[in-house]
Structure formats: C-alpha cells, structure tokens
Amino acid sequence: MTAGTAGAIRPKAKVRLGDRVFSSSTIVAGSLILATLAAVAIFLVVQSIPALFAGPGELPNNATNFWSWVWPLVFGTIWAALIALLIATPLSIGIALFISHYAPRRVASVLGYIIDLLAAVPSVVFGLWGIATLSSFVQPFYAWLGANVGWFPLFAPPVSGTGRTILTAGIVLAVMVIPIMTAICREIFLQTPRLHEEAALALGATRWEMVKMAVLPFARSGIISAIMLGLGRALGETLAIAMVLSPALVVKFAVLQAQSPNTIAANIALQFPEATGISVQALIASGLVLFVVTLLINVLARYIVSRRKAFSGAN
C-alpha cells in the first residue's frame, strides 16, 4: 500500500462537541457585533432623513439647513477632543515610561493600580470636579493669559469670569482619557524585547537614549493605537462636557472665552428631553454625524497602525 493510498483511506478526525460549541459561539458573537452595528446605522439613517432634508426654519435655532446647524457642533466636538489629546498624549507616554522603565517595582505596581482605578471613575464625578474645583482653580491663570498673551488668537479676550471654557473641558477630557492611553502604552513598553534594551545599554547608551532607540520605535504602532482610542473616548463624552461648558452654537478657536462651542454628544444630552417633532430627528441626525466621524477615525487608526507595524522596532 502506497503512502498516497494510506492517506486517502485514513478516517477523518472526529470533531469534539466542545470544539463545535466554541466555534459556533464565536461565529455568533462576531455576527452579533456586525448585526448590532448595522442595526444602529440603519436606525440613525432612517430617523435622520426628515432632518437632513428639512427646510429653512424647521430646524432648531431657525437654521437654514441641517449642515449649517450641525457644523458648529462638529467643530466643537473635534476641537475639544484635540485639546484633550494635546494635553493627555505627552502625559500618558511619560507616566507609562516611568511605570515601565524608571519606577521601582513596588512603586510601579501601586501607580499602575491607581491609574487603572482612575479609569473606573464615572464621568459625572469628573464633571463635578471640573465645575466645582478645576474651573475656579484655573480662572486666575486664564486671566493672566488673557492679559499677557491675549494677542495670540487662542487666548484672545474677553476671558471667562467662571473658568468654564472649552480649555477647561479639554483638561477634564484629558484626565478622563489618560488612564486608557497610559494603560495601553505601559503594556506596549513592557513588551519591548529585553535584548534590544540590553544591547543599547551595552553600547553605552544612557537610559533615555535606550528608550529613544529601542522602546519608542518598538511601541510606535501601539502609541498611535492608544492616541486613537483616547480620541474616540473624547469624541463621545457627554455628561462631563455638558456640566463644564457654557455652550453656544459658535465656531471659534479662542479657548478662554465664556461663549464656547458645544459638542454633539453634550448637545444631544441637553436638548433631547425637551425636543419634539423635527428637533428629535435633528438630534438623531447629529448622532449619525458623530457615528460617521468616530467610524472614520477608527478606520484611519487601523490604516496608520497597519502601515507603521512594518517599520516598528520589533522587526
């Protein structure tokens, strides 16, 4: 009997019941995610159609059309999230590097636990902290910026007397996304091959030079993923922004003024309880815009990570 004949008559391996159940459950779980996403998208599109084609005067604030009404909200959402990322990104990377490469083991474990615990704090607590403590704390600094650096457009006066500005909202968002970004960066830094670090140190590199040459290149795609995940978290935040801001439908880059641009999520939370008729569809349509923006950001993040992965220090 030849080897080919023996292989042809070999009985098929019996698939165990546990393997079938596990395989089927994973397929159902993956399909459920896609079905839920499709259902949400269909709901948003169907409910948004009346607002998308509404005429002048039918939308809130007597807007001429839907896009002129939603554009200030889109601007405020992206602007607040970008301010949060500018603050949170260097802090998150610094904290993660300290925990993974500088702090003693006991200190690193305690600090890592505290950072993880911070992620479990409800957003309403951050909102209360922002409106009751942070806004009054930073207001004198805002006044100083307006008096001394007011010529710069970002710090143009008049300065808010309460400190409830888009910059304060960005600081609150930064505090909220730091735990998520720090946790991801910390895990990526800890996965840096030990041989790469020891080789850099053996060649005479200092601790910072080792981090710059071995750790950061290896973690580049992970850092980008952490930034994009933090951006997605900041874009969808609702309650903290609604509590801190004194919002208005404006488009302005000034970060110290009392009249600040609102965000889509906060506007929905504030206006939906009292909305009726076409206003409800307009709020749902703005949710559709936020859904599309978040989806595009996630697609962009996947594209950037897939391109950077080939050039990471792990290869």
Protein backbone atom coordinates (compact mmCIF):
# COMPACT_ATOMS: atom_id res chain seq x y z
CA MET A 1 0.00 0.00 0.00
CA THR A 2 1.44 3.32 -1.04
CA ALA A 3 1.64 6.40 1.13
CA GLY A 4 -0.94 8.15 -1.04
CA THR A 5 -3.39 5.27 -0.73
CA ALA A 6 -2.93 5.14 3.04
CA GLY A 7 -3.62 8.85 3.30
CA ALA A 8 -6.71 8.51 1.11
CA ILE A 9 -8.37 5.89 3.31
CA ARG A 10 -7.34 7.48 6.62
CA PRO A 11 -10.51 8.20 8.63
CA LYS A 12 -11.40 11.80 9.31
CA ALA A 13 -10.62 13.18 12.74
CA LYS A 14 -13.69 13.32 14.92
CA VAL A 15 -14.72 16.83 15.84
CA ARG A 16 -15.48 17.07 19.53
CA LEU A 17 -18.69 18.60 20.81
CA GLY A 18 -16.80 21.24 22.78
CA ASP A 19 -14.96 22.39 19.65
CA ARG A 20 -18.24 22.69 17.75
CA VAL A 21 -19.90 24.66 20.54
CA PHE A 22 -16.90 27.00 20.89
CA SER A 23 -16.62 27.56 17.14
CA SER A 24 -20.35 28.24 16.79
CA SER A 25 -20.38 30.62 19.77
CA THR A 26 -17.50 32.67 18.36
CA ILE A 27 -19.24 32.92 14.99
CA VAL A 28 -22.48 34.01 16.67
CA ALA A 29 -20.66 36.57 18.81
CA GLY A 30 -18.83 38.06 15.83
CA SER A 31 -22.01 38.15 13.76
CA LEU A 32 -23.91 39.75 16.63
CA ILE A 33 -21.45 42.65 16.71
CA LEU A 34 -21.87 43.25 12.98
CA ALA A 35 -25.65 42.94 13.21
CA THR A 36 -25.80 45.40 16.11
CA LEU A 37 -23.62 47.90 14.26
CA ALA A 38 -25.77 47.56 11.14
CA ALA A 39 -28.97 47.98 13.17
CA VAL A 40 -27.67 51.14 14.82
CA ALA A 41 -26.59 52.56 11.46
CA ILE A 42 -29.96 51.77 9.84
CA PHE A 43 -31.85 53.32 12.76
CA LEU A 44 -29.78 56.50 12.62
CA VAL A 45 -30.13 56.85 8.85
CA VAL A 46 -33.90 56.23 8.79
CA GLN A 47 -34.61 58.59 11.69
CA SER A 48 -32.29 61.27 10.28
CA ILE A 49 -33.86 61.57 6.83
CA PRO A 50 -36.53 64.17 7.81
CA ALA A 51 -33.90 66.43 9.38
CA LEU A 52 -31.43 66.06 6.53
CA PHE A 53 -33.99 67.39 4.04
CA ALA A 54 -35.72 69.90 6.33
CA GLY A 55 -36.32 73.38 5.00
CA PRO A 56 -35.39 76.75 6.49
CA GLY A 57 -36.98 77.48 9.86
CA GLU A 58 -37.91 73.86 10.62
CA LEU A 59 -34.70 73.03 12.48
CA PRO A 60 -33.63 74.24 15.93
CA ASN A 61 -32.29 77.81 16.22
CA ASN A 62 -34.03 78.66 12.90
CA ALA A 63 -31.15 77.16 10.93
CA THR A 64 -31.37 77.39 7.15
CA ASN A 65 -30.43 73.73 6.73
CA PHE A 66 -29.17 70.79 8.74
CA TRP A 67 -25.50 71.22 7.86
CA SER A 68 -25.36 74.86 8.92
CA TRP A 69 -26.87 73.79 12.26
CA VAL A 70 -24.65 70.76 12.89
CA TRP A 71 -21.34 72.23 11.71
CA PRO A 72 -20.63 74.23 14.93
CA LEU A 73 -21.33 71.05 16.93
CA VAL A 74 -18.92 69.03 14.79
CA PHE A 75 -16.28 71.71 15.21
CA GLY A 76 -16.73 71.82 18.97
CA THR A 77 -16.56 68.04 19.25
CA ILE A 78 -13.30 67.78 17.30
CA TRP A 79 -11.77 70.88 18.89
CA ALA A 80 -12.41 69.71 22.47
CA ALA A 81 -11.05 66.24 21.65
CA LEU A 82 -7.89 67.67 20.05
CA ILE A 83 -7.24 69.89 23.10
CA ALA A 84 -7.60 66.83 25.31
CA LEU A 85 -5.17 64.83 23.16
CA LEU A 86 -2.58 67.62 23.16
CA ILE A 87 -2.61 67.52 26.95
CA ALA A 88 -3.05 63.78 27.50
CA THR A 89 -0.61 62.31 24.96
CA PRO A 90 2.72 63.50 26.46
CA LEU A 91 1.46 62.90 30.00
CA SER A 92 0.32 59.37 29.16
CA ILE A 93 3.58 58.45 27.46
CA GLY A 94 5.59 59.94 30.34
CA ILE A 95 3.58 58.11 33.01
CA ALA A 96 3.79 54.85 31.09
CA LEU A 97 7.57 55.17 30.68
CA PHE A 98 8.00 55.96 34.36
CA ILE A 99 5.97 52.91 35.39
CA SER A 100 7.65 50.55 32.93
CA HIS A 101 11.30 51.67 32.96
CA TYR A 102 12.06 54.09 35.80
CA ALA A 103 9.95 53.44 38.89
CA PRO A 104 10.91 50.75 41.43
CA ARG A 105 8.83 47.60 41.13
CA ARG A 106 6.68 48.27 44.19
CA VAL A 107 6.04 51.87 43.22
CA ALA A 108 5.28 50.84 39.63
CA SER A 109 2.72 48.25 40.73
CA VAL A 110 0.94 50.69 43.05
CA LEU A 111 0.98 53.50 40.50
CA GLY A 112 -0.28 51.17 37.77
CA TYR A 113 -3.14 50.08 40.01
CA ILE A 114 -4.06 53.71 40.71
CA ILE A 115 -4.06 54.56 37.01
CA ASP A 116 -6.29 51.58 36.25
CA LEU A 117 -8.61 52.57 39.09
CA LEU A 118 -8.89 56.10 37.70
CA ALA A 119 -10.44 54.67 34.53
CA ALA A 120 -13.36 53.34 36.60
CA VAL A 121 -14.38 56.77 37.93
CA PRO A 122 -17.79 57.78 36.45
CA SER A 123 -17.83 60.72 34.08
CA VAL A 124 -20.28 62.61 36.31
CA VAL A 125 -17.59 62.72 39.01
CA PHE A 126 -15.15 64.29 36.56
CA GLY A 127 -17.85 66.77 35.57
CA LEU A 128 -18.48 67.75 39.18
CA TRP A 129 -14.75 68.11 39.73
CA GLY A 130 -14.43 70.28 36.66
CA ILE A 131 -17.28 72.62 37.52
CA ALA A 132 -16.73 72.85 41.27
CA THR A 133 -12.95 72.80 41.62
CA LEU A 134 -10.99 72.97 38.38
CA SER A 135 -12.82 75.91 36.76
CA SER A 136 -12.28 78.20 39.75
CA PHE A 137 -8.70 76.98 40.18
CA VAL A 138 -7.62 77.77 36.60
CA GLN A 139 -9.56 81.03 36.20
CA PRO A 140 -6.73 83.25 37.59
CA PHE A 141 -4.32 81.58 35.17
CA TYR A 142 -6.75 82.23 32.33
CA ALA A 143 -6.92 85.91 33.36
CA TRP A 144 -3.12 86.10 33.31
CA LEU A 145 -3.01 84.50 29.85
CA GLY A 146 -5.62 86.93 28.54
CA ALA A 147 -3.75 89.95 29.93
CA ASN A 148 -0.27 88.92 28.79
CA VAL A 149 -0.77 86.65 25.77
CA GLY A 150 -4.13 87.99 24.59
CA TRP A 151 -2.60 88.98 21.24
CA PHE A 152 -2.43 85.27 20.36
CA PRO A 153 -5.78 84.18 18.82
CA LEU A 154 -6.17 81.12 21.05
CA PHE A 155 -6.02 83.27 24.20
CA ALA A 156 -7.97 86.24 22.89
CA PRO A 157 -10.08 88.12 25.48
CA PRO A 158 -12.65 88.58 26.93
CA VAL A 159 -11.68 85.92 29.46
CA SER A 160 -14.43 83.97 31.17
CA GLY A 161 -15.01 85.01 34.76
CA THR A 162 -16.04 81.49 35.80
CA GLY A 163 -13.35 79.42 34.08
CA ARG A 164 -15.98 77.26 32.35
CA THR A 165 -14.41 77.31 28.90
CA ILE A 166 -13.53 74.86 26.15
CA LEU A 167 -9.99 74.67 27.57
CA THR A 168 -11.33 73.55 30.95
CA ALA A 169 -13.47 70.96 29.18
CA GLY A 170 -10.37 69.78 27.31
CA ILE A 171 -8.46 69.41 30.58
CA VAL A 172 -11.29 67.33 32.05
CA LEU A 173 -11.36 65.16 28.92
CA ALA A 174 -7.57 64.75 29.13
CA VAL A 175 -7.83 63.49 32.71
CA MET A 176 -10.52 61.05 31.60
CA VAL A 177 -8.54 59.57 28.69
CA ILE A 178 -5.12 59.46 30.40
CA PRO A 179 -5.84 56.13 32.19
CA ILE A 180 -6.81 54.39 28.94
CA MET A 181 -3.87 55.74 26.96
CA THR A 182 -1.41 55.10 29.82
CA ALA A 183 -2.53 51.50 30.25
CA ILE A 184 -2.05 50.72 26.56
CA CYS A 185 1.33 52.49 26.33
CA ARG A 186 2.54 50.79 29.51
CA GLU A 187 1.72 47.31 28.20
CA ILE A 188 3.39 48.06 24.88
CA PHE A 189 6.53 49.42 26.57
CA LEU A 190 6.78 46.31 28.75
CA GLN A 191 6.72 44.13 25.63
CA THR A 192 9.90 45.68 24.24
CA PRO A 193 12.40 42.84 23.68
CA ARG A 194 14.82 42.72 26.59
CA LEU A 195 17.73 42.02 24.23
CA HIS A 196 17.11 45.31 22.41
CA GLU A 197 17.28 47.28 25.65
CA GLU A 198 20.36 45.45 26.92
CA ALA A 199 22.12 45.86 23.56
CA ALA A 200 21.56 49.63 23.63
CA LEU A 201 22.83 49.88 27.20
CA ALA A 202 25.83 47.68 26.39
CA LEU A 203 26.80 50.06 23.58
CA GLY A 204 27.00 52.91 26.09
CA ALA A 205 23.55 54.45 25.71
CA THR A 206 22.02 56.23 28.67
CA ARG A 207 18.59 55.23 29.97
CA TRP A 208 16.88 57.92 27.91
CA GLU A 209 18.88 57.04 24.79
CA MET A 210 17.91 53.40 25.25
CA VAL A 211 14.25 54.41 25.50
CA LYS A 212 14.56 56.60 22.41
CA MET A 213 16.36 53.98 20.30
CA ALA A 214 14.74 50.73 21.46
CA VAL A 215 11.47 51.31 23.32
CA LEU A 216 9.75 54.11 21.41
CA PRO A 217 10.37 52.68 17.90
CA PHE A 218 9.07 49.30 19.04
CA ALA A 219 5.95 50.86 20.59
CA ARG A 220 5.17 53.31 17.78
CA SER A 221 2.10 51.49 16.46
CA GLY A 222 0.85 50.88 19.99
CA ILE A 223 1.20 54.57 20.85
CA ILE A 224 -0.80 55.50 17.76
CA SER A 225 -3.48 52.99 18.77
CA ALA A 226 -3.61 54.49 22.27
CA ILE A 227 -3.96 58.01 20.86
CA MET A 228 -6.77 56.99 18.53
CA LEU A 229 -8.57 55.12 21.29
CA GLY A 230 -8.29 58.18 23.52
CA LEU A 231 -9.59 60.34 20.68
CA GLY A 232 -12.61 58.08 20.27
CA ARG A 233 -13.27 58.27 24.01
CA ALA A 234 -13.02 62.06 23.99
CA LEU A 235 -15.32 62.44 20.98
CA GLY A 236 -18.15 60.54 22.62
CA GLU A 237 -18.00 62.05 26.12
CA THR A 238 -21.31 63.60 27.13
CA LEU A 239 -22.01 64.37 30.76
CA ALA A 240 -18.70 65.91 31.79
CA ILE A 241 -18.75 68.30 28.82
CA ALA A 242 -22.40 69.21 29.41
CA MET A 243 -21.63 70.09 33.04
CA VAL A 244 -18.45 72.10 32.43
CA LEU A 245 -19.21 74.10 29.29
CA SER A 246 -21.35 77.19 28.83
CA PRO A 247 -22.12 76.15 25.26
CA ALA A 248 -23.24 78.08 22.20
CA LEU A 249 -23.57 77.29 18.50
CA VAL A 250 -20.39 79.13 17.52
CA VAL A 251 -17.21 78.29 15.64
CA LYS A 252 -14.20 79.86 17.34
CA PHE A 253 -10.70 78.73 18.30
CA ALA A 254 -10.44 81.02 21.35
CA VAL A 255 -10.18 78.77 24.41
CA LEU A 256 -10.60 81.30 27.25
CA GLN A 257 -13.91 82.91 26.38
CA ALA A 258 -17.17 82.15 28.14
CA GLN A 259 -19.03 81.53 24.90
CA SER A 260 -17.60 78.18 23.82
CA PRO A 261 -18.54 75.79 21.01
CA ASN A 262 -20.70 72.87 22.09
CA THR A 263 -20.16 69.18 21.28
CA ILE A 264 -22.58 66.82 19.56
CA ALA A 265 -22.90 64.41 22.48
CA ALA A 266 -23.40 67.15 25.07
CA ASN A 267 -25.95 68.93 22.88
CA ILE A 268 -27.97 65.72 22.50
CA ALA A 269 -27.94 65.14 26.25
CA LEU A 270 -29.04 68.70 27.00
CA GLN A 271 -31.67 69.15 24.29
CA PHE A 272 -33.25 65.71 23.85
CA PRO A 273 -35.56 65.76 26.94
CA GLU A 274 -37.35 68.87 25.65
CA ALA A 275 -37.14 68.18 21.90
CA THR A 276 -40.26 67.49 19.85
CA GLY A 277 -41.07 66.87 16.22
CA ILE A 278 -38.32 67.65 13.75
CA SER A 279 -35.97 68.64 16.58
CA VAL A 280 -35.79 65.00 17.67
CA GLN A 281 -34.83 63.93 14.16
CA ALA A 282 -32.23 66.70 14.04
CA LEU A 283 -30.61 65.45 17.25
CA ILE A 284 -30.62 61.88 15.92
CA ALA A 285 -29.08 63.13 12.68
CA SER A 286 -26.32 64.83 14.65
CA GLY A 287 -25.76 61.48 16.36
CA LEU A 288 -25.40 59.97 12.89
CA VAL A 289 -22.72 62.55 12.09
CA LEU A 290 -20.87 61.66 15.30
CA PHE A 291 -21.21 57.97 14.41
CA VAL A 292 -19.65 58.56 10.99
CA VAL A 293 -16.84 60.73 12.41
CA THR A 294 -15.96 58.08 15.01
CA LEU A 295 -16.06 55.34 12.37
CA LEU A 296 -13.76 57.29 10.06
CA ILE A 297 -11.31 57.90 12.92
CA ASN A 298 -11.20 54.19 13.72
CA VAL A 299 -10.64 53.31 10.07
CA LEU A 300 -7.84 55.88 9.89
CA ALA A 301 -6.30 54.46 13.06
CA ARG A 302 -6.33 50.94 11.64
CA TYR A 303 -4.71 52.19 8.44
CA ILE A 304 -1.97 54.09 10.28
CA VAL A 305 -1.22 51.17 12.60
CA SER A 306 -1.07 48.69 9.71
CA ARG A 307 1.43 50.91 7.88
CA ARG A 308 3.59 51.61 10.93
CA LYS A 309 3.65 48.00 12.10
CA ALA A 310 6.03 47.01 9.33
CA PHE A 311 8.54 49.62 10.48
CA SER A 312 8.37 49.01 14.23
CA GLY A 313 11.40 48.05 16.24
CA ALA A 314 10.08 44.51 16.61
CA ASN A 315 11.17 43.65 13.06
